[in-house]
C-alpha atoms as a PDB file:
ATOM      1  CA  MET A   1     101.665  90.352 107.600  1.00  0.00           C
ATOM      2  CA  GLY A   2     104.754  88.166 107.778  1.00  0.00           C
ATOM      3  CA  PHE A   3     104.370  84.394 107.956  1.00  0.00           C
ATOM      4  CA  LYS A   4     107.134  83.009 110.169  1.00  0.00           C
ATOM      5  CA  CYS A   5     108.441  79.550 111.050  1.00  0.00           C
ATOM      6  CA  GLY A   6     110.734  79.471 114.073  1.00  0.00           C
ATOM      7  CA  ILE A   7     113.654  77.005 114.001  1.00  0.00           C
ATOM      8  CA  ILE A   8     114.202  75.679 117.539  1.00  0.00           C
ATOM      9  CA  GLY A   9     116.079  72.929 119.348  1.00  0.00           C
ATOM     10  CA  LEU A  10     118.814  72.312 121.891  1.00  0.00           C
ATOM     11  CA  PRO A  11     122.231  73.925 121.303  1.00  0.00           C
ATOM     12  CA  ASN A  12     124.517  72.166 118.773  1.00  0.00           C
ATOM     13  CA  VAL A  13     121.829  70.149 116.978  1.00  0.00           C
ATOM     14  CA  GLY A  14     122.331  71.819 113.580  1.00  0.00           C
ATOM     15  CA  LYS A  15     119.785  74.661 113.633  1.00  0.00           C
ATOM     16  CA  SER A  16     122.095  77.296 112.192  1.00  0.00           C
ATOM     17  CA  THR A  17     123.462  74.862 109.590  1.00  0.00           C
ATOM     18  CA  LEU A  18     119.892  74.140 108.488  1.00  0.00           C
ATOM     19  CA  PHE A  19     119.052  77.850 108.480  1.00  0.00           C
ATOM     20  CA  ASN A  20     122.099  78.605 106.325  1.00  0.00           C
ATOM     21  CA  ALA A  21     121.147  75.848 103.906  1.00  0.00           C
ATOM     22  CA  LEU A  22     117.586  77.197 103.677  1.00  0.00           C
ATOM     23  CA  THR A  23     118.715  80.777 103.131  1.00  0.00           C
ATOM     24  CA  LYS A  24     122.069  80.067 101.443  1.00  0.00           C
ATOM     25  CA  GLY A  25     123.267  82.460 104.108  1.00  0.00           C
ATOM     26  CA  ASN A  26     126.134  82.547 106.537  1.00  0.00           C
ATOM     27  CA  SER A  27     124.871  82.841 110.113  1.00  0.00           C
ATOM     28  CA  ALA A  28     127.436  81.938 112.755  1.00  0.00           C
ATOM     29  CA  ILE A  29     128.032  78.213 113.306  1.00  0.00           C
ATOM     30  CA  ALA A  30     129.973  77.211 116.398  1.00  0.00           C
ATOM     31  CA  ASN A  31     130.431  74.236 118.679  1.00  0.00           C
ATOM     32  CA  PHE A  32     129.161  75.860 121.867  1.00  0.00           C
ATOM     33  CA  PRO A  33     125.782  76.892 123.291  1.00  0.00           C
ATOM     34  CA  PHE A  34     124.193  80.280 122.572  1.00  0.00           C
ATOM     35  CA  CYS A  35     126.221  80.936 119.433  1.00  0.00           C
ATOM     36  CA  THR A  36     123.017  82.503 118.085  1.00  0.00           C
ATOM     37  CA  ILE A  37     121.591  85.049 120.525  1.00  0.00           C
ATOM     38  CA  LYS A  38     119.637  87.439 118.340  1.00  0.00           C
ATOM     39  CA  PRO A  39     117.495  85.415 115.946  1.00  0.00           C
ATOM     40  CA  ASN A  40     118.579  85.349 112.314  1.00  0.00           C
ATOM     41  CA  VAL A  41     115.720  85.902 109.882  1.00  0.00           C
ATOM     42  CA  GLY A  42     115.683  84.585 106.317  1.00  0.00           C
ATOM     43  CA  ILE A  43     113.045  85.330 103.683  1.00  0.00           C
ATOM     44  CA  ILE A  44     112.740  82.219 101.549  1.00  0.00           C
ATOM     45  CA  SER A  45     110.962  81.703  98.245  1.00  0.00           C
ATOM     46  CA  VAL A  46     108.428  78.861  98.238  1.00  0.00           C
ATOM     47  CA  PRO A  47     109.071  76.454  95.322  1.00  0.00           C
ATOM     48  CA  ASP A  48     105.971  76.390  93.088  1.00  0.00           C
ATOM     49  CA  THR A  49     106.053  75.013  89.542  1.00  0.00           C
ATOM     50  CA  ARG A  50     102.789  76.817  88.730  1.00  0.00           C
ATOM     51  CA  ILE A  51     104.398  80.249  88.571  1.00  0.00           C
ATOM     52  CA  ILE A  52     107.014  78.860  86.169  1.00  0.00           C
ATOM     53  CA  GLU A  53     104.336  77.376  83.893  1.00  0.00           C
ATOM     54  CA  LEU A  54     102.337  80.620  83.924  1.00  0.00           C
ATOM     55  CA  SER A  55     105.463  82.600  83.076  1.00  0.00           C
ATOM     56  CA  LYS A  56     106.219  80.330  80.104  1.00  0.00           C
ATOM     57  CA  ILE A  57     102.839  81.288  78.619  1.00  0.00           C
ATOM     58  CA  ILE A  58     102.827  85.009  79.500  1.00  0.00           C
ATOM     59  CA  SER A  59     106.574  85.861  79.261  1.00  0.00           C
ATOM     60  CA  PRO A  60     106.339  88.635  81.884  1.00  0.00           C
ATOM     61  CA  LYS A  61     109.041  91.208  82.527  1.00  0.00           C
ATOM     62  CA  LYS A  62     109.049  90.250  86.194  1.00  0.00           C
ATOM     63  CA  ILE A  63     108.254  87.147  88.290  1.00  0.00           C
ATOM     64  CA  VAL A  64     107.483  87.468  92.004  1.00  0.00           C
ATOM     65  CA  THR A  65     107.226  84.271  94.036  1.00  0.00           C
ATOM     66  CA  THR A  66     105.549  83.875  97.389  1.00  0.00           C
ATOM     67  CA  TYR A  67     107.689  83.457 100.492  1.00  0.00           C
ATOM     68  CA  ILE A  68     107.807  82.624 104.153  1.00  0.00           C
ATOM     69  CA  GLU A  69     110.237  83.734 106.844  1.00  0.00           C
ATOM     70  CA  PHE A  70     112.412  81.312 108.769  1.00  0.00           C
ATOM     71  CA  VAL A  71     113.763  82.496 112.123  1.00  0.00           C
ATOM     72  CA  ASP A  72     116.840  80.797 113.607  1.00  0.00           C
ATOM     73  CA  ILE A  73     116.207  80.966 117.360  1.00  0.00           C
ATOM     74  CA  ALA A  74     119.039  80.322 119.807  1.00  0.00           C
ATOM     75  CA  GLY A  75     119.275  76.917 121.482  1.00  0.00           C
ATOM     76  CA  LEU A  76     116.909  76.323 124.386  1.00  0.00           C
ATOM     77  CA  VAL A  77     118.059  74.490 127.508  1.00  0.00           C
ATOM     78  CA  LYS A  78     116.444  72.942 130.570  1.00  0.00           C
ATOM     79  CA  GLY A  79     115.116  75.766 132.746  1.00  0.00           C
ATOM     80  CA  ALA A  80     114.497  78.139 129.809  1.00  0.00           C
ATOM     81  CA  SER A  81     110.969  78.841 131.071  1.00  0.00           C
ATOM     82  CA  LYS A  82     112.586  80.170 134.274  1.00  0.00           C
ATOM     83  CA  GLY A  83     115.134  82.251 132.379  1.00  0.00           C
ATOM     84  CA  GLU A  84     118.031  79.763 132.138  1.00  0.00           C
ATOM     85  CA  GLY A  85     120.323  80.337 129.159  1.00  0.00           C
ATOM     86  CA  LEU A  86     118.544  83.594 128.227  1.00  0.00           C
ATOM     87  CA  GLY A  87     115.437  81.412 128.008  1.00  0.00           C
ATOM     88  CA  ASN A  88     112.850  84.167 128.437  1.00  0.00           C
ATOM     89  CA  GLN A  89     114.218  86.032 125.429  1.00  0.00           C
ATOM     90  CA  PHE A  90     114.299  82.900 123.270  1.00  0.00           C
ATOM     91  CA  LEU A  91     110.771  81.839 124.256  1.00  0.00           C
ATOM     92  CA  SER A  92     109.558  85.321 123.354  1.00  0.00           C
ATOM     93  CA  ASN A  93     111.124  84.892 119.904  1.00  0.00           C
ATOM     94  CA  ILE A  94     109.192  81.623 119.453  1.00  0.00           C
ATOM     95  CA  ARG A  95     105.953  83.308 120.512  1.00  0.00           C
ATOM     96  CA  ASP A  96     106.310  85.725 117.587  1.00  0.00           C
ATOM     97  CA  THR A  97     106.216  82.885 115.024  1.00  0.00           C
ATOM     98  CA  GLN A  98     103.200  81.069 113.600  1.00  0.00           C
ATOM     99  CA  ALA A  99     104.776  77.601 113.346  1.00  0.00           C
ATOM    100  CA  ILE A 100     107.762  75.653 114.672  1.00  0.00           C
ATOM    101  CA  ILE A 101     110.560  73.723 112.963  1.00  0.00           C
ATOM    102  CA  HIS A 102     112.055  71.608 115.773  1.00  0.00           C
ATOM    103  CA  VAL A 103     115.544  70.317 114.905  1.00  0.00           C
ATOM    104  CA  VAL A 104     116.580  67.151 116.750  1.00  0.00           C
ATOM    105  CA  ARG A 105     120.042  65.596 116.673  1.00  0.00           C
ATOM    106  CA  CYS A 106     119.910  61.994 115.428  1.00  0.00           C
ATOM    107  CA  PHE A 107     123.619  61.396 114.835  1.00  0.00           C
ATOM    108  CA  LYS A 108     126.730  60.699 116.881  1.00  0.00           C
ATOM    109  CA  ASP A 109     129.939  62.641 116.346  1.00  0.00           C
ATOM    110  CA  ASP A 110     132.687  62.873 118.968  1.00  0.00           C
ATOM    111  CA  ASN A 111     133.822  66.171 117.451  1.00  0.00           C
ATOM    112  CA  ILE A 112     130.479  67.851 118.176  1.00  0.00           C
ATOM    113  CA  SER A 113     129.535  68.121 121.824  1.00  0.00           C
ATOM    114  CA  HIS A 114     126.039  67.492 123.147  1.00  0.00           C
ATOM    115  CA  VAL A 115     124.846  69.941 125.774  1.00  0.00           C
ATOM    116  CA  TYR A 116     123.793  67.001 128.025  1.00  0.00           C
ATOM    117  CA  ASN A 117     126.558  64.606 126.859  1.00  0.00           C
ATOM    118  CA  LYS A 118     124.153  61.989 125.487  1.00  0.00           C
ATOM    119  CA  ILE A 119     122.475  61.544 122.089  1.00  0.00           C
ATOM    120  CA  ASP A 120     118.858  60.775 122.932  1.00  0.00           C
ATOM    121  CA  PRO A 121     116.176  62.281 120.634  1.00  0.00           C
ATOM    122  CA  LYS A 122     113.299  61.405 122.986  1.00  0.00           C
ATOM    123  CA  ASN A 123     114.973  63.135 125.920  1.00  0.00           C
ATOM    124  CA  ASP A 124     115.971  66.131 123.787  1.00  0.00           C
ATOM    125  CA  VAL A 125     112.398  66.588 122.557  1.00  0.00           C
ATOM    126  CA  ASP A 126     111.056  66.174 126.106  1.00  0.00           C
ATOM    127  CA  ILE A 127     113.384  68.913 127.376  1.00  0.00           C
ATOM    128  CA  ILE A 128     112.270  71.420 124.740  1.00  0.00           C
ATOM    129  CA  ASN A 129     108.579  70.523 124.912  1.00  0.00           C
ATOM    130  CA  SER A 130     108.614  70.631 128.726  1.00  0.00           C
ATOM    131  CA  GLU A 131     109.950  74.181 128.607  1.00  0.00           C
ATOM    132  CA  LEU A 132     107.243  75.175 126.117  1.00  0.00           C
ATOM    133  CA  ILE A 133     104.602  73.562 128.357  1.00  0.00           C
ATOM    134  CA  LEU A 134     105.923  75.345 131.472  1.00  0.00           C
ATOM    135  CA  SER A 135     105.962  78.652 129.619  1.00  0.00           C
ATOM    136  CA  ASP A 136     102.349  78.109 128.505  1.00  0.00           C
ATOM    137  CA  PHE A 137     101.366  77.147 132.054  1.00  0.00           C
ATOM    138  CA  ASP A 138     102.797  80.449 133.293  1.00  0.00           C
ATOM    139  CA  THR A 139     100.983  82.387 130.537  1.00  0.00           C
ATOM    140  CA  CYS A 140      97.738  80.553 131.303  1.00  0.00           C
ATOM    141  CA  GLU A 141      97.997  81.102 135.054  1.00  0.00           C
ATOM    142  CA  LYS A 142      98.656  84.835 134.677  1.00  0.00           C
ATOM    143  CA  SER A 143      95.810  85.193 132.162  1.00  0.00           C
ATOM    144  CA  ILE A 144      93.366  83.475 134.540  1.00  0.00           C
ATOM    145  CA  LEU A 145      94.341  85.773 137.423  1.00  0.00           C
ATOM    146  CA  LYS A 146      93.956  88.834 135.206  1.00  0.00           C
ATOM    147  CA  LEU A 147      90.536  87.740 133.937  1.00  0.00           C
ATOM    148  CA  GLU A 148      89.275  86.935 137.447  1.00  0.00           C
ATOM    149  CA  LYS A 149      89.922  90.552 138.405  1.00  0.00           C
ATOM    150  CA  ASN A 150      87.671  91.659 135.533  1.00  0.00           C
ATOM    151  CA  LEU A 151      84.685  89.417 136.292  1.00  0.00           C
ATOM    152  CA  LYS A 152      82.527  92.445 137.085  1.00  0.00           C
ATOM    153  CA  HIS A 153      82.975  93.716 133.542  1.00  0.00           C
ATOM    154  CA  ASN A 154      81.500  91.740 130.645  1.00  0.00           C
ATOM    155  CA  ARG A 155      80.918  88.742 132.913  1.00  0.00           C
ATOM    156  CA  ASP A 156      79.589  86.323 130.271  1.00  0.00           C
ATOM    157  CA  GLU A 157      82.573  86.828 127.975  1.00  0.00           C
ATOM    158  CA  VAL A 158      85.090  86.592 130.827  1.00  0.00           C
ATOM    159  CA  GLU A 159      83.507  83.401 132.203  1.00  0.00           C
ATOM    160  CA  LYS A 160      83.674  81.824 128.752  1.00  0.00           C
ATOM    161  CA  LYS A 161      87.406  82.590 128.531  1.00  0.00           C
ATOM    162  CA  LEU A 162      88.018  81.368 132.083  1.00  0.00           C
ATOM    163  CA  PHE A 163      86.270  78.074 131.357  1.00  0.00           C
ATOM    164  CA  ILE A 164      88.510  77.457 128.333  1.00  0.00           C
ATOM    165  CA  LEU A 165      91.698  78.567 130.106  1.00  0.00           C
ATOM    166  CA  ASN A 166      90.957  76.210 132.996  1.00  0.00           C
ATOM    167  CA  LYS A 167      90.646  73.370 130.465  1.00  0.00           C
ATOM    168  CA  CYS A 168      94.034  74.404 129.111  1.00  0.00           C
ATOM    169  CA  ILE A 169      95.788  74.680 132.464  1.00  0.00           C
ATOM    170  CA  ASN A 170      94.529  71.257 133.595  1.00  0.00           C
ATOM    171  CA  HIS A 171      95.883  69.777 130.359  1.00  0.00           C
ATOM    172  CA  LEU A 172      99.244  71.510 130.850  1.00  0.00           C
ATOM    173  CA  LYS A 173      99.447  70.261 134.460  1.00  0.00           C
ATOM    174  CA  ASN A 174      99.735  66.757 133.027  1.00  0.00           C
ATOM    175  CA  PHE A 175     102.677  67.913 130.872  1.00  0.00           C
ATOM    176  CA  LEU A 176     100.637  67.595 127.686  1.00  0.00           C
ATOM    177  CA  MET A 177     100.933  69.893 124.683  1.00  0.00           C
ATOM    178  CA  LEU A 178      97.855  72.046 124.050  1.00  0.00           C
ATOM    179  CA  LYS A 179      97.780  70.857 120.436  1.00  0.00           C
ATOM    180  CA  THR A 180      96.631  67.475 121.828  1.00  0.00           C
ATOM    181  CA  LEU A 181      93.695  69.078 123.682  1.00  0.00           C
ATOM    182  CA  LYS A 182      90.363  68.711 121.885  1.00  0.00           C
ATOM    183  CA  LEU A 183      88.841  72.148 121.320  1.00  0.00           C
ATOM    184  CA  ASN A 184      85.906  73.201 119.160  1.00  0.00           C
ATOM    185  CA  GLU A 185      86.291  75.998 116.598  1.00  0.00           C
ATOM    186  CA  THR A 186      84.992  78.696 118.973  1.00  0.00           C
ATOM    187  CA  GLU A 187      87.408  77.590 121.695  1.00  0.00           C
ATOM    188  CA  LYS A 188      90.313  77.498 119.227  1.00  0.00           C
ATOM    189  CA  LYS A 189      89.561  81.072 118.200  1.00  0.00           C
ATOM    190  CA  ILE A 190      89.556  82.233 121.830  1.00  0.00           C
ATOM    191  CA  VAL A 191      92.800  80.465 122.838  1.00  0.00           C
ATOM    192  CA  SER A 192      94.592  81.754 119.717  1.00  0.00           C
ATOM    193  CA  ASP A 193      94.575  85.226 121.305  1.00  0.00           C
ATOM    194  CA  PHE A 194      96.901  83.961 124.061  1.00  0.00           C
ATOM    195  CA  ARG A 195      99.641  82.831 121.607  1.00  0.00           C
ATOM    196  CA  PHE A 196     100.364  79.572 123.428  1.00  0.00           C
ATOM    197  CA  LEU A 197     103.605  77.928 122.295  1.00  0.00           C
ATOM    198  CA  THR A 198     102.343  74.339 122.471  1.00  0.00           C
ATOM    199  CA  LEU A 199      99.443  75.131 120.134  1.00  0.00           C
ATOM    200  CA  LYS A 200     101.790  76.005 117.286  1.00  0.00           C
ATOM    201  CA  PRO A 201     101.958  73.410 114.503  1.00  0.00           C
ATOM    202  CA  THR A 202     105.334  71.644 114.469  1.00  0.00           C
ATOM    203  CA  ILE A 203     107.574  69.828 112.006  1.00  0.00           C
ATOM    204  CA  TYR A 204     110.378  67.742 113.513  1.00  0.00           C
ATOM    205  CA  ILE A 205     113.625  67.778 111.540  1.00  0.00           C
ATOM    206  CA  ALA A 206     115.812  64.746 112.242  1.00  0.00           C
ATOM    207  CA  ASN A 207     119.404  65.838 111.620  1.00  0.00           C
ATOM    208  CA  ILE A 208     121.043  62.564 110.554  1.00  0.00           C
ATOM    209  CA  ASN A 209     124.179  61.126 109.009  1.00  0.00           C
ATOM    210  CA  GLU A 210     124.549  57.989 106.927  1.00  0.00           C
ATOM    211  CA  ASN A 211     124.928  55.233 109.511  1.00  0.00           C
ATOM    212  CA  LYS A 212     122.755  52.631 111.249  1.00  0.00           C
ATOM    213  CA  GLU A 213     122.815  54.482 114.572  1.00  0.00           C
ATOM    214  CA  SER A 214     121.099  57.438 112.903  1.00  0.00           C
ATOM    215  CA  LEU A 215     118.316  55.187 111.616  1.00  0.00           C
ATOM    216  CA  ILE A 216     117.669  53.803 115.125  1.00  0.00           C
ATOM    217  CA  LEU A 217     117.570  57.324 116.573  1.00  0.00           C
ATOM    218  CA  LEU A 218     115.332  58.444 113.698  1.00  0.00           C
ATOM    219  CA  ASN A 219     112.758  55.773 114.589  1.00  0.00           C
ATOM    220  CA  ASP A 220     112.497  57.270 118.087  1.00  0.00           C
ATOM    221  CA  LEU A 221     111.578  60.604 116.534  1.00  0.00           C
ATOM    222  CA  TYR A 222     109.024  59.030 114.186  1.00  0.00           C
ATOM    223  CA  GLU A 223     107.283  57.609 117.261  1.00  0.00           C
ATOM    224  CA  ILE A 224     107.039  61.104 118.790  1.00  0.00           C
ATOM    225  CA  GLY A 225     105.691  62.498 115.520  1.00  0.00           C
ATOM    226  CA  ARG A 226     102.973  59.837 115.373  1.00  0.00           C
ATOM    227  CA  LYS A 227     101.804  60.619 118.920  1.00  0.00           C
ATOM    228  CA  GLU A 228     101.573  64.352 118.189  1.00  0.00           C
ATOM    229  CA  ASN A 229     100.366  63.995 114.600  1.00  0.00           C
ATOM    230  CA  SER A 230     103.448  66.017 113.579  1.00  0.00           C
ATOM    231  CA  LEU A 231     105.483  65.499 110.417  1.00  0.00           C
ATOM    232  CA  VAL A 232     109.063  64.193 110.746  1.00  0.00           C
ATOM    233  CA  ILE A 233     111.551  65.009 107.970  1.00  0.00           C
ATOM    234  CA  PRO A 234     115.019  63.361 108.016  1.00  0.00           C
ATOM    235  CA  ILE A 235     117.781  65.575 106.667  1.00  0.00           C
ATOM    236  CA  SER A 236     121.557  65.806 106.679  1.00  0.00           C
ATOM    237  CA  SER A 237     121.933  69.536 107.287  1.00  0.00           C
ATOM    238  CA  ASN A 238     125.647  69.508 106.367  1.00  0.00           C
ATOM    239  CA  LEU A 239     124.908  67.801 103.030  1.00  0.00           C
ATOM    240  CA  GLU A 240     122.040  70.203 102.312  1.00  0.00           C
ATOM    241  CA  LEU A 241     124.279  73.175 103.119  1.00  0.00           C
ATOM    242  CA  ASP A 242     126.954  71.859 100.731  1.00  0.00           C
ATOM    243  CA  LEU A 243     124.298  71.426  98.012  1.00  0.00           C
ATOM    244  CA  ALA A 244     122.903  74.903  98.641  1.00  0.00           C
ATOM    245  CA  LYS A 245     126.345  76.422  98.040  1.00  0.00           C
ATOM    246  CA  MET A 246     126.695  74.726  94.621  1.00  0.00           C
ATOM    247  CA  ASN A 247     125.637  76.324  91.364  1.00  0.00           C
ATOM    248  CA  GLU A 248     122.731  74.732  89.485  1.00  0.00           C
ATOM    249  CA  LYS A 249     124.887  72.487  87.267  1.00  0.00           C
ATOM    250  CA  GLU A 250     127.098  71.295  90.145  1.00  0.00           C
ATOM    251  CA  GLN A 251     124.013  70.559  92.210  1.00  0.00           C
ATOM    252  CA  LYS A 252     122.345  68.532  89.444  1.00  0.00           C
ATOM    253  CA  ASP A 253     125.529  66.545  88.756  1.00  0.00           C
ATOM    254  CA  PHE A 254     126.054  65.787  92.450  1.00  0.00           C
ATOM    255  CA  MET A 255     122.442  64.718  92.989  1.00  0.00           C
ATOM    256  CA  LYS A 256     122.563  62.479  89.917  1.00  0.00           C
ATOM    257  CA  ALA A 257     125.854  60.873  90.990  1.00  0.00           C
ATOM    258  CA  PHE A 258     124.515  60.044  94.456  1.00  0.00           C
ATOM    259  CA  ASN A 259     120.939  59.275  93.344  1.00  0.00           C
ATOM    260  CA  ILE A 260     119.423  62.145  95.350  1.00  0.00           C
ATOM    261  CA  LYS A 261     115.925  62.722  93.952  1.00  0.00           C
ATOM    262  CA  ASN A 262     114.865  65.897  95.749  1.00  0.00           C
ATOM    263  CA  LEU A 263     116.330  68.474  98.075  1.00  0.00           C
ATOM    264  CA  ALA A 264     115.041  67.907 101.592  1.00  0.00           C
ATOM    265  CA  LEU A 265     115.073  71.690 101.968  1.00  0.00           C
ATOM    266  CA  ASN A 266     112.250  72.064  99.441  1.00  0.00           C
ATOM    267  CA  LYS A 267     110.185  69.589 101.439  1.00  0.00           C
ATOM    268  CA  ILE A 268     110.750  71.645 104.589  1.00  0.00           C
ATOM    269  CA  ILE A 269     109.794  74.907 102.853  1.00  0.00           C
ATOM    270  CA  GLN A 270     106.693  73.464 101.188  1.00  0.00           C
ATOM    271  CA  ASN A 271     105.501  71.717 104.347  1.00  0.00           C
ATOM    272  CA  GLY A 272     106.218  74.830 106.400  1.00  0.00           C
ATOM    273  CA  TYR A 273     103.932  76.714 104.011  1.00  0.00           C
ATOM    274  CA  LYS A 274     101.207  74.070 104.389  1.00  0.00           C
ATOM    275  CA  MET A 275     101.668  74.022 108.158  1.00  0.00           C
ATOM    276  CA  LEU A 276     100.941  77.747 108.253  1.00  0.00           C
ATOM    277  CA  ASP A 277      97.692  76.881 106.410  1.00  0.00           C
ATOM    278  CA  LEU A 278      98.477  79.258 103.562  1.00  0.00           C
ATOM    279  CA  ILE A 279      97.253  79.135  99.986  1.00  0.00           C
ATOM    280  CA  THR A 280      98.542  80.880  96.876  1.00  0.00           C
ATOM    281  CA  PHE A 281      96.680  82.958  94.327  1.00  0.00           C
ATOM    282  CA  PHE A 282      98.152  84.618  91.258  1.00  0.00           C
ATOM    283  CA  THR A 283      97.855  87.932  89.450  1.00  0.00           C
ATOM    284  CA  VAL A 284      99.150  87.786  85.889  1.00  0.00           C
ATOM    285  CA  GLY A 285     100.110  90.218  83.141  1.00  0.00           C
ATOM    286  CA  VAL A 286     102.933  91.045  80.748  1.00  0.00           C
ATOM    287  CA  LYS A 287     104.501  93.344  83.340  1.00  0.00           C
ATOM    288  CA  GLU A 288     104.416  90.825  86.163  1.00  0.00           C
ATOM    289  CA  VAL A 289     103.332  87.355  87.208  1.00  0.00           C
ATOM    290  CA  HIS A 290     102.923  87.527  90.974  1.00  0.00           C
ATOM    291  CA  ALA A 291     102.192  84.807  93.548  1.00  0.00           C
ATOM    292  CA  TRP A 292     100.472  85.940  96.755  1.00  0.00           C
ATOM    293  CA  SER A 293     100.172  84.151 100.124  1.00  0.00           C
ATOM    294  CA  ILE A 294      96.943  84.366 102.091  1.00  0.00           C
ATOM    295  CA  PRO A 295      95.469  82.296 104.931  1.00  0.00           C
ATOM    296  CA  ASN A 296      93.279  79.438 103.771  1.00  0.00           C
ATOM    297  CA  GLY A 297      89.632  80.552 103.845  1.00  0.00           C
ATOM    298  CA  SER A 298      90.337  84.185 102.884  1.00  0.00           C
ATOM    299  CA  THR A 299      87.655  85.999 100.895  1.00  0.00           C
ATOM    300  CA  SER A 300      88.227  87.890  97.663  1.00  0.00           C
ATOM    301  CA  ILE A 301      88.088  91.251  99.449  1.00  0.00           C
ATOM    302  CA  GLN A 302      90.717  90.048 101.951  1.00  0.00           C
ATOM    303  CA  ALA A 303      92.889  88.873  99.062  1.00  0.00           C
ATOM    304  CA  ALA A 304      92.447  92.277  97.406  1.00  0.00           C
ATOM    305  CA  ALA A 305      93.697  93.972 100.583  1.00  0.00           C
ATOM    306  CA  LYS A 306      96.821  91.780 100.430  1.00  0.00           C
ATOM    307  CA  ILE A 307      97.780  93.550  97.204  1.00  0.00           C
ATOM    308  CA  HIS A 308      96.763  97.090  98.202  1.00  0.00           C
ATOM    309  CA  SER A 309      94.275  98.657 100.608  1.00  0.00           C
ATOM    310  CA  ASP A 310      92.763 100.605  97.670  1.00  0.00           C
ATOM    311  CA  PHE A 311      91.790  97.301  96.043  1.00  0.00           C
ATOM    312  CA  SER A 312      89.632  96.379  99.026  1.00  0.00           C
ATOM    313  CA  LYS A 313      88.265  99.878  99.708  1.00  0.00           C
ATOM    314  CA  GLY A 314      86.973 100.272  96.158  1.00  0.00           C
ATOM    315  CA  PHE A 315      86.262  96.589  95.516  1.00  0.00           C
ATOM    316  CA  ILE A 316      83.629  95.934  92.819  1.00  0.00           C
ATOM    317  CA  ARG A 317      84.148  92.302  91.854  1.00  0.00           C
ATOM    318  CA  ALA A 318      86.809  89.703  91.106  1.00  0.00           C
ATOM    319  CA  GLN A 319      87.388  87.809  87.879  1.00  0.00           C
ATOM    320  CA  ILE A 320      88.463  84.247  88.710  1.00  0.00           C
ATOM    321  CA  ILE A 321      90.260  81.857  86.358  1.00  0.00           C
ATOM    322  CA  LYS A 322      91.299  78.415  87.531  1.00  0.00           C
ATOM    323  CA  TYR A 323      94.982  77.636  87.060  1.00  0.00           C
ATOM    324  CA  LEU A 324      94.380  74.448  85.040  1.00  0.00           C
ATOM    325  CA  ASP A 325      91.972  76.282  82.701  1.00  0.00           C
ATOM    326  CA  PHE A 326      94.610  78.936  81.992  1.00  0.00           C
ATOM    327  CA  ILE A 327      97.244  76.272  81.339  1.00  0.00           C
ATOM    328  CA  GLN A 328      94.861  74.467  78.973  1.00  0.00           C
ATOM    329  CA  TYR A 329      93.706  77.496  76.939  1.00  0.00           C
ATOM    330  CA  LYS A 330      96.952  79.512  77.136  1.00  0.00           C
ATOM    331  CA  SER A 331      95.356  82.987  77.313  1.00  0.00           C
ATOM    332  CA  GLU A 332      92.793  85.027  79.226  1.00  0.00           C
ATOM    333  CA  ILE A 333      90.875  85.773  76.007  1.00  0.00           C
ATOM    334  CA  LYS A 334      90.508  82.082  75.151  1.00  0.00           C
ATOM    335  CA  VAL A 335      89.505  81.229  78.729  1.00  0.00           C
ATOM    336  CA  LYS A 336      86.724  83.828  78.537  1.00  0.00           C
ATOM    337  CA  GLU A 337      85.595  82.545  75.128  1.00  0.00           C
ATOM    338  CA  MET A 338      85.240  79.074  76.639  1.00  0.00           C
ATOM    339  CA  GLY A 339      83.147  80.460  79.507  1.00  0.00           C
ATOM    340  CA  LYS A 340      85.724  79.526  82.121  1.00  0.00           C
ATOM    341  CA  CYS A 341      86.141  82.985  83.671  1.00  0.00           C
ATOM    342  CA  LYS A 342      83.828  83.507  86.643  1.00  0.00           C
ATOM    343  CA  ILE A 343      82.747  86.794  88.212  1.00  0.00           C
ATOM    344  CA  GLU A 344      82.663  86.672  92.005  1.00  0.00           C
ATOM    345  CA  GLY A 345      81.739  89.086  94.794  1.00  0.00           C
ATOM    346  CA  LYS A 346      83.543  90.108  97.969  1.00  0.00           C
ATOM    347  CA  ASP A 347      82.509  86.992  99.940  1.00  0.00           C
ATOM    348  CA  TYR A 348      83.943  84.463  97.471  1.00  0.00           C
ATOM    349  CA  LYS A 349      86.538  82.258  99.170  1.00  0.00           C
ATOM    350  CA  ILE A 350      89.755  82.226  97.187  1.00  0.00           C
ATOM    351  CA  GLU A 351      90.967  78.733  96.292  1.00  0.00           C
ATOM    352  CA  ASP A 352      94.583  77.653  95.992  1.00  0.00           C
ATOM    353  CA  GLY A 353      95.836  78.369  92.474  1.00  0.00           C
ATOM    354  CA  ASP A 354      93.139  80.896  91.529  1.00  0.00           C
ATOM    355  CA  ILE A 355      94.211  83.517  89.002  1.00  0.00           C
ATOM    356  CA  VAL A 356      92.476  86.720  90.079  1.00  0.00           C
ATOM    357  CA  ASN A 357      91.835  90.065  88.414  1.00  0.00           C
ATOM    358  CA  PHE A 358      90.344  92.579  90.855  1.00  0.00           C
ATOM    359  CA  LEU A 359      88.003  95.271  89.543  1.00  0.00           C
ATOM    360  CA  PHE A 360      87.814  98.286  91.841  1.00  0.00           C
ATOM    361  CA  ASN A 361      86.949 101.991  91.866  1.00  0.00           C
ATOM    362  CA  ILE A 362      88.275 104.673  94.220  1.00  0.00           C
END
């Protein structure tokens, strides 16, 4: 299973520049709409100091980090939900992702055109979100009609779905995102099958430059983030792209000279990982130290299947060592001597940072 974050926004807001900085790639950057038509996909390692610390102790031949995919989706425009600007294709690309990175232009530059000739983050966000809402309304309406035709079959189940979908469509009629609709856990599970766009968790990326106008525009975006309970990360995508192209020494020297503490890109990657509600567990040995991504709440048998289907088919038990215990005692043998290695069954819920050894028989 791939875990994907879709990068969206109006044309010319800096999506492809951000994508290139994230991937150190070279997707096309141009000053006109629809430069990106087919989505670019980048597989990006998730920064995690734990795998480095484990590797210092074990000295493995190979280190494998966990990753997420970022998808650079072409710029949406007003009317996308009705097919404007190849909108149907682009909305379909968003539907295939699990989370959204929404890039918003918060800078003025006469050399870079704005598709609507005005820098206004609130309006830009409204345009994109309105198209997502309209697309969800269409999906909801079609799903209701389809279910109503099947009322004779499995009536109780169909009525339950219809009740929830009617709650959704009434919310969407008021141009409200479905993520702001209060649903219980059962309802959330049912609506997840419909892959609604406005249910996807979102991070807003404010593409800024270093002037006062950017700060004023940034505050507008912070207000939107507060209303939606969405994170807002300010970033200069051009600066981050320049940094991404530097070697390690050049990057460190530049960051020191300009008092840059952390790469904003790492914050985006790490928060994208959290937004997908993923956790990391590790398998360790002299051949390989490997980080694995699984959804939060996964059981040990589900984690075993992540590695190989044979691990889950012949699952016997899992040996669990907590990361901090391994760091403290420096070896599996010492951890076991101290009674810190636990034996768990198939229903154990893996916790973030667990070091797992699966015992299986096939």
